[in-house]
């Protein structure tokens, strides 16, 4: 609460600007999703690894913009929070205070931290998974398998396409981020619903896995879905 005689500071315009900045975060997320989709399309269509690597650079650029935006939002929120708690007697230079806090946050940036961006990690994981499902070496995306190796890779892929619940090929696979196992979306959701009605936890149906499944940990397995599509296309030729 402001002290006696302290001027009242209106933060309505700042709150409006903050709302707009936070909306920009959604645009960045959408851009990163599109870049991931493009990279997977390039890999699936057999494009040169240089093209796929370019998309990784794009993802890191998005991650940098997202980091800078988050730091600026944090700087504004922290500065305004302090001013609301202890209103100064003289109107402060809010812009200068925000810039000082922003620069302090930016000084802690590192390249390694940038690569830990959630969307970037998902991007790398989906590329790796698609390469594995397609039987492509991570070191050389265009290195072909020998006939025997290719046959083994196809057999392993077919096994990976099978849902541990339905024992049928998955159509809409979702991955459990906690243990890495994948299931047919409707099958695992039905299992969770049935167990919840009985007041029971749902354990991962993969043999040997004791992980308790939590709905928030289930994410669309884009790489596996694309690999299944690639397998079907090869069979149709």
Protein backbone atom coordinates (compact mmCIF):
# COMPACT_ATOMS: atom_id res chain seq x y z
CA UNK A 1 0.00 0.00 0.00
CA UNK A 2 1.31 3.44 -0.95
CA UNK A 3 2.51 5.68 1.85
CA UNK A 4 0.75 8.95 2.79
CA UNK A 5 1.17 11.54 0.08
CA UNK A 6 2.79 9.10 -2.40
CA UNK A 7 1.54 9.54 -5.98
CA UNK A 8 -0.68 6.84 -7.43
CA UNK A 9 0.87 4.98 -10.37
CA UNK A 10 -1.42 3.46 -13.00
CA UNK A 11 -0.24 0.08 -14.26
CA UNK A 12 -3.18 -0.61 -16.58
CA UNK A 13 -1.18 0.10 -19.75
CA UNK A 14 1.66 -2.11 -18.50
CA UNK A 15 -0.76 -4.96 -17.79
CA UNK A 16 -2.18 -4.62 -21.31
CA UNK A 17 1.29 -4.73 -22.84
CA UNK A 18 2.17 -7.79 -20.75
CA UNK A 19 -0.92 -9.56 -22.03
CA UNK A 20 0.16 -8.86 -25.62
CA UNK A 21 3.69 -10.09 -24.95
CA UNK A 22 2.39 -13.34 -23.47
CA UNK A 23 0.29 -13.84 -26.59
CA UNK A 24 3.51 -13.69 -28.59
CA UNK A 25 4.68 -16.78 -26.70
CA UNK A 26 1.86 -18.72 -28.39
CA UNK A 27 3.05 -17.51 -31.80
CA UNK A 28 6.59 -18.72 -31.04
CA UNK A 29 5.29 -22.12 -29.92
CA UNK A 30 3.30 -22.40 -33.16
CA UNK A 31 6.39 -21.48 -35.19
CA UNK A 32 8.45 -24.15 -33.45
CA UNK A 33 5.74 -26.75 -34.07
CA UNK A 34 5.73 -25.85 -37.77
CA UNK A 35 9.56 -26.02 -37.95
CA UNK A 36 9.47 -29.47 -36.33
CA UNK A 37 6.86 -30.66 -38.81
CA UNK A 38 8.93 -29.35 -41.74
CA UNK A 39 12.07 -31.11 -40.45
CA UNK A 40 10.19 -34.40 -40.11
CA UNK A 41 8.77 -33.98 -43.62
CA UNK A 42 12.28 -33.36 -45.00
CA UNK A 43 13.65 -36.43 -43.25
CA UNK A 44 10.73 -38.58 -44.33
CA UNK A 45 11.09 -37.52 -47.96
CA UNK A 46 14.80 -38.40 -47.97
CA UNK A 47 16.18 -34.87 -48.23
CA UNK A 48 19.83 -34.12 -47.54
CA UNK A 49 20.78 -33.94 -43.87
CA UNK A 50 21.96 -30.36 -44.44
CA UNK A 51 18.33 -29.35 -44.99
CA UNK A 52 17.28 -31.03 -41.75
CA UNK A 53 20.19 -29.42 -39.89
CA UNK A 54 19.01 -26.02 -41.15
CA UNK A 55 15.71 -26.62 -39.37
CA UNK A 56 17.64 -27.30 -36.16
CA UNK A 57 19.22 -23.86 -36.55
CA UNK A 58 15.75 -22.38 -37.02
CA UNK A 59 14.58 -24.12 -33.85
CA UNK A 60 17.49 -22.68 -31.87
CA UNK A 61 16.69 -19.21 -33.20
CA UNK A 62 13.09 -19.63 -32.07
CA UNK A 63 14.33 -20.85 -28.68
CA UNK A 64 16.51 -17.74 -28.35
CA UNK A 65 13.58 -15.44 -29.14
CA UNK A 66 11.43 -17.33 -26.65
CA UNK A 67 14.12 -17.04 -23.96
CA UNK A 68 14.56 -13.30 -24.55
CA UNK A 69 10.81 -12.76 -24.47
CA UNK A 70 10.45 -14.74 -21.24
CA UNK A 71 13.25 -12.75 -19.65
CA UNK A 72 11.65 -9.46 -20.64
CA UNK A 73 8.26 -10.54 -19.30
CA UNK A 74 9.92 -11.64 -16.07
CA UNK A 75 11.75 -8.29 -15.83
CA UNK A 76 8.50 -6.36 -16.23
CA UNK A 77 6.57 -8.51 -13.76
CA UNK A 78 9.31 -8.35 -11.12
CA UNK A 79 9.73 -4.59 -11.49
CA UNK A 80 6.00 -3.86 -11.37
CA UNK A 81 5.55 -6.25 -8.46
CA UNK A 82 8.10 -4.35 -6.39
CA UNK A 83 6.59 -0.98 -7.29
CA UNK A 84 3.11 -2.17 -6.31
CA UNK A 85 4.40 -3.34 -2.94
CA UNK A 86 6.42 -0.21 -2.18
CA UNK A 87 5.15 2.77 -4.15
CA UNK A 88 7.94 5.41 -4.32
CA UNK A 89 7.24 9.02 -3.47
CA UNK A 90 8.45 10.14 -6.89
CA UNK A 91 7.23 8.47 -10.16
CA UNK A 92 10.10 6.17 -11.25
CA UNK A 93 11.45 5.60 -14.74
CA UNK A 94 9.75 2.22 -15.19
CA UNK A 95 11.35 1.60 -18.58
CA UNK A 96 14.84 2.08 -17.15
CA UNK A 97 14.12 -0.18 -14.18
CA UNK A 98 12.78 -2.89 -16.48
CA UNK A 99 15.79 -2.64 -18.80
CA UNK A 100 18.18 -2.97 -15.86
CA UNK A 101 16.43 -6.11 -14.64
CA UNK A 102 16.22 -7.49 -18.19
CA UNK A 103 19.96 -7.03 -18.75
CA UNK A 104 20.65 -8.78 -15.45
CA UNK A 105 18.56 -11.77 -16.53
CA UNK A 106 20.12 -11.81 -20.01
CA UNK A 107 23.62 -11.89 -18.54
CA UNK A 108 22.88 -15.39 -17.25
CA UNK A 109 22.14 -16.78 -20.74
CA UNK A 110 24.20 -19.73 -21.97
CA UNK A 111 24.22 -21.71 -25.21
CA UNK A 112 23.76 -24.96 -23.28
CA UNK A 113 20.67 -23.65 -21.51
CA UNK A 114 19.23 -22.68 -24.90
CA UNK A 115 19.44 -26.30 -26.04
CA UNK A 116 17.33 -27.34 -23.05
CA UNK A 117 14.29 -25.50 -24.39
CA UNK A 118 11.33 -27.89 -24.09
CA UNK A 119 10.26 -27.56 -27.72
CA UNK A 120 13.83 -27.98 -28.96
CA UNK A 121 14.27 -31.16 -26.91
CA UNK A 122 11.00 -32.51 -28.34
CA UNK A 123 12.24 -31.62 -31.83
CA UNK A 124 15.49 -33.59 -31.33
CA UNK A 125 13.62 -36.52 -29.81
CA UNK A 126 11.12 -36.73 -32.68
CA UNK A 127 13.90 -36.60 -35.30
CA UNK A 128 15.84 -39.32 -33.48
CA UNK A 129 12.75 -41.51 -33.14
CA UNK A 130 11.82 -41.12 -36.80
CA UNK A 131 15.38 -42.02 -37.87
CA UNK A 132 15.24 -45.14 -35.71
CA UNK A 133 11.84 -46.16 -37.05
CA UNK A 134 12.96 -45.58 -40.63
CA UNK A 135 16.17 -47.53 -40.06
CA UNK A 136 18.34 -44.48 -40.74
CA UNK A 137 21.69 -44.00 -39.04
CA UNK A 138 21.83 -40.99 -36.74
CA UNK A 139 25.37 -40.28 -37.93
CA UNK A 140 24.51 -40.40 -41.64
CA UNK A 141 20.84 -39.88 -42.49
CA UNK A 142 21.38 -41.13 -46.06
CA UNK A 143 23.49 -44.24 -45.30
CA UNK A 144 21.54 -47.25 -46.64
CA UNK A 145 21.21 -50.53 -44.75
CA UNK A 146 22.53 -53.76 -46.19
CA UNK A 147 19.75 -56.19 -47.16
CA UNK A 148 20.11 -58.25 -43.99
CA UNK A 149 20.22 -55.20 -41.75
CA UNK A 150 17.21 -53.72 -43.54
CA UNK A 151 15.21 -56.89 -42.96
CA UNK A 152 16.06 -56.80 -39.26
CA UNK A 153 15.17 -53.10 -39.07
CA UNK A 154 11.78 -53.73 -40.73
CA UNK A 155 11.03 -56.59 -38.31
CA UNK A 156 11.90 -54.40 -35.34
CA UNK A 157 9.81 -51.56 -36.72
CA UNK A 158 6.75 -53.78 -37.10
CA UNK A 159 7.16 -54.84 -33.47
CA UNK A 160 7.37 -51.19 -32.45
CA UNK A 161 4.16 -50.46 -34.36
CA UNK A 162 2.19 -52.92 -32.21
CA UNK A 163 0.23 -51.58 -29.25
CA UNK A 164 0.97 -53.56 -26.05
CA UNK A 165 -2.71 -53.32 -25.10
CA UNK A 166 -4.56 -54.21 -28.32
CA UNK A 167 -1.69 -56.21 -29.89
CA UNK A 168 -2.63 -54.50 -33.14
CA UNK A 169 -0.79 -51.96 -35.27
CA UNK A 170 -1.25 -48.50 -33.85
CA UNK A 171 -3.12 -45.83 -35.77
CA UNK A 172 -2.90 -42.96 -33.30
CA UNK A 173 0.17 -43.67 -31.12
CA UNK A 174 0.92 -41.73 -27.94
CA UNK A 175 4.17 -41.94 -26.00
CA UNK A 176 4.54 -42.02 -22.23
CA UNK A 177 7.25 -39.44 -21.51
CA UNK A 178 7.96 -41.07 -18.14
CA UNK A 179 9.08 -44.45 -19.51
CA UNK A 180 9.21 -43.95 -23.30
CA UNK A 181 6.68 -46.66 -24.15
CA UNK A 182 3.99 -46.10 -26.76
CA UNK A 183 0.33 -47.17 -26.91
CA UNK A 184 -2.75 -46.71 -29.06
CA UNK A 185 -4.35 -43.48 -27.80
CA UNK A 186 -7.91 -44.76 -27.37
CA UNK A 187 -6.72 -48.01 -25.73
CA UNK A 188 -4.61 -46.37 -23.04
CA UNK A 189 -7.22 -43.69 -22.38
CA UNK A 190 -9.89 -46.35 -21.90
CA UNK A 191 -7.58 -48.27 -19.55
CA UNK A 192 -6.94 -45.15 -17.46
CA UNK A 193 -10.67 -44.38 -17.31
CA UNK A 194 -11.58 -47.92 -16.21
CA UNK A 195 -8.93 -48.01 -13.51
CA UNK A 196 -9.83 -44.54 -12.26
CA UNK A 197 -13.45 -45.67 -11.84
CA UNK A 198 -12.13 -48.50 -9.63
CA UNK A 199 -9.91 -46.12 -7.67
CA UNK A 200 -6.77 -47.76 -9.04
CA UNK A 201 -3.60 -46.44 -10.67
CA UNK A 202 -2.76 -47.50 -14.22
CA UNK A 203 0.58 -49.21 -14.69
CA UNK A 204 2.35 -49.23 -18.03
CA UNK A 205 1.08 -52.31 -19.93
CA UNK A 206 4.51 -52.94 -21.44
CA UNK A 207 5.88 -56.17 -19.97
CA UNK A 208 8.51 -55.47 -17.33
CA UNK A 209 7.60 -51.79 -16.86
CA UNK A 210 6.22 -50.77 -13.46
CA UNK A 211 5.73 -47.10 -14.29
CA UNK A 212 2.47 -45.51 -13.11
CA UNK A 213 0.86 -43.73 -16.08
CA UNK A 214 -0.27 -40.13 -15.63
CA UNK A 215 -2.43 -38.56 -18.35
CA UNK A 216 -0.25 -35.38 -18.63
CA UNK A 217 2.74 -37.61 -19.52
CA UNK A 218 1.03 -38.93 -22.66
CA UNK A 219 2.04 -37.04 -25.82
CA UNK A 220 1.41 -37.69 -29.50
CA UNK A 221 4.21 -39.84 -30.94
CA UNK A 222 4.56 -37.94 -34.21
CA UNK A 223 7.75 -39.74 -35.22
CA UNK A 224 6.23 -43.22 -34.82
CA UNK A 225 3.07 -42.21 -36.68
CA UNK A 226 5.18 -40.97 -39.60
CA UNK A 227 7.29 -44.14 -39.52
CA UNK A 228 4.13 -46.26 -39.77
CA UNK A 229 3.06 -44.19 -42.78
CA UNK A 230 6.48 -44.68 -44.41
CA UNK A 231 6.28 -48.44 -43.81
CA UNK A 232 2.86 -48.60 -45.47
CA UNK A 233 4.11 -46.65 -48.48
CA UNK A 234 7.07 -49.03 -48.91
CA UNK A 235 4.72 -52.02 -48.75
CA UNK A 236 2.44 -50.57 -51.38
CA UNK A 237 5.31 -50.19 -53.90
